[in-house]
Amino acid sequence: MNSIFEPGQYVRHPARPDWGTGQVQSVIGDRVTVNFENAGKLLINTGLTVLEILDGVPPGRPGR
C-alpha cells in the first residue's frame, strides 16, 4: 500500500492541536515519524490515527 505521506510534508494531528505543526521525517508503511513543534519527534500509526496534511509551508517556517 502506498502512503499519502512523504518526508518534508507538514501535518497536524486534529485531536492534538497542542502539539502544533509537525514535519514528516520518515514513512515506513503506516508508520510515520513526525517532528512536532511542541511535542517533539513521535511515531504515528496512520492506520489508527488521521493526520491532516497542510498545503505549502506554514507561517514562520523557512521554505524548502
C-alpha atoms as a PDB file:
ATOM      1  CA  MET A   1       0.000   0.000   0.000  1.00  0.00           C
ATOM      2  CA  ASN A   2       1.330   3.454  -0.926  1.00  0.00           C
ATOM      3  CA  SER A   3       1.318   6.097   1.779  1.00  0.00           C
ATOM      4  CA  ILE A   4      -0.036   9.575   1.083  1.00  0.00           C
ATOM      5  CA  PHE A   5       2.705  10.953   3.334  1.00  0.00           C
ATOM      6  CA  GLU A   6       6.198  11.970   2.211  1.00  0.00           C
ATOM      7  CA  PRO A   7       9.198  13.264   4.144  1.00  0.00           C
ATOM      8  CA  GLY A   8       9.183  17.054   4.291  1.00  0.00           C
ATOM      9  CA  GLN A   9       5.385  17.442   4.333  1.00  0.00           C
ATOM     10  CA  TYR A  10       3.801  19.498   7.081  1.00  0.00           C
ATOM     11  CA  VAL A  11       0.954  17.912   9.036  1.00  0.00           C
ATOM     12  CA  ARG A  12      -1.259  18.476  12.021  1.00  0.00           C
ATOM     13  CA  HIS A  13      -2.869  15.983  14.408  1.00  0.00           C
ATOM     14  CA  PRO A  14      -6.517  17.156  14.597  1.00  0.00           C
ATOM     15  CA  ALA A  15      -7.077  15.527  18.000  1.00  0.00           C
ATOM     16  CA  ARG A  16      -3.902  17.102  19.456  1.00  0.00           C
ATOM     17  CA  PRO A  17      -3.730  20.757  18.352  1.00  0.00           C
ATOM     18  CA  ASP A  18      -1.441  21.448  21.332  1.00  0.00           C
ATOM     19  CA  TRP A  19       1.310  19.509  19.503  1.00  0.00           C
ATOM     20  CA  GLY A  20       1.446  22.252  16.851  1.00  0.00           C
ATOM     21  CA  THR A  21       2.589  21.803  13.278  1.00  0.00           C
ATOM     22  CA  GLY A  22       4.673  18.747  12.503  1.00  0.00           C
ATOM     23  CA  GLN A  23       7.026  17.867   9.698  1.00  0.00           C
ATOM     24  CA  VAL A  24       7.141  14.310   8.367  1.00  0.00           C
ATOM     25  CA  GLN A  25      10.616  12.846   8.887  1.00  0.00           C
ATOM     26  CA  SER A  26      10.161   9.310   7.545  1.00  0.00           C
ATOM     27  CA  VAL A  27       7.477   6.938   6.281  1.00  0.00           C
ATOM     28  CA  ILE A  28       7.544   3.152   6.524  1.00  0.00           C
ATOM     29  CA  GLY A  29       4.172   1.645   5.646  1.00  0.00           C
ATOM     30  CA  ASP A  30       1.588   3.003   8.101  1.00  0.00           C
ATOM     31  CA  ARG A  31       4.319   4.282  10.445  1.00  0.00           C
ATOM     32  CA  VAL A  32       5.056   7.964  10.012  1.00  0.00           C
ATOM     33  CA  THR A  33       7.680   9.722  12.121  1.00  0.00           C
ATOM     34  CA  VAL A  34       6.700  13.354  12.656  1.00  0.00           C
ATOM     35  CA  ASN A  35       8.653  16.104  14.409  1.00  0.00           C
ATOM     36  CA  PHE A  36       6.004  18.301  16.101  1.00  0.00           C
ATOM     37  CA  GLU A  37       6.737  21.866  17.284  1.00  0.00           C
ATOM     38  CA  ASN A  38       5.537  21.286  20.851  1.00  0.00           C
ATOM     39  CA  ALA A  39       5.734  17.508  21.272  1.00  0.00           C
ATOM     40  CA  GLY A  40       8.996  16.556  19.567  1.00  0.00           C
ATOM     41  CA  LYS A  41       9.519  13.526  17.373  1.00  0.00           C
ATOM     42  CA  LEU A  42       6.682  10.995  17.522  1.00  0.00           C
ATOM     43  CA  LEU A  43       5.899   7.770  15.681  1.00  0.00           C
ATOM     44  CA  ILE A  44       2.311   7.866  14.384  1.00  0.00           C
ATOM     45  CA  ASN A  45       0.424   4.805  13.140  1.00  0.00           C
ATOM     46  CA  THR A  46      -1.661   6.285  10.313  1.00  0.00           C
ATOM     47  CA  GLY A  47      -3.733   3.111  10.190  1.00  0.00           C
ATOM     48  CA  LEU A  48      -5.177   4.182  13.555  1.00  0.00           C
ATOM     49  CA  THR A  49      -4.712   7.967  13.520  1.00  0.00           C
ATOM     50  CA  VAL A  50      -5.686  10.560  10.924  1.00  0.00           C
ATOM     51  CA  LEU A  51      -3.151  13.297  10.211  1.00  0.00           C
ATOM     52  CA  GLU A  52      -4.158  16.438   8.336  1.00  0.00           C
ATOM     53  CA  ILE A  53      -1.756  17.371   5.528  1.00  0.00           C
ATOM     54  CA  LEU A  54      -1.081  21.112   5.371  1.00  0.00           C
ATOM     55  CA  ASP A  55      -0.665  22.792   1.985  1.00  0.00           C
ATOM     56  CA  GLY A  56       2.574  24.700   1.489  1.00  0.00           C
ATOM     57  CA  VAL A  57       4.909  25.819   4.226  1.00  0.00           C
ATOM     58  CA  PRO A  58       3.225  27.018   7.450  1.00  0.00           C
ATOM     59  CA  PRO A  59       3.860  30.625   8.558  1.00  0.00           C
ATOM     60  CA  GLY A  60       7.089  31.048  10.471  1.00  0.00           C
ATOM     61  CA  ARG A  61       8.756  28.092   8.755  1.00  0.00           C
ATOM     62  CA  PRO A  62      11.581  28.535   6.238  1.00  0.00           C
ATOM     63  CA  GLY A  63      10.892  27.454   2.666  1.00  0.00           C
ATOM     64  CA  ARG A  64      12.134  24.147   1.367  1.00  0.00           C
END
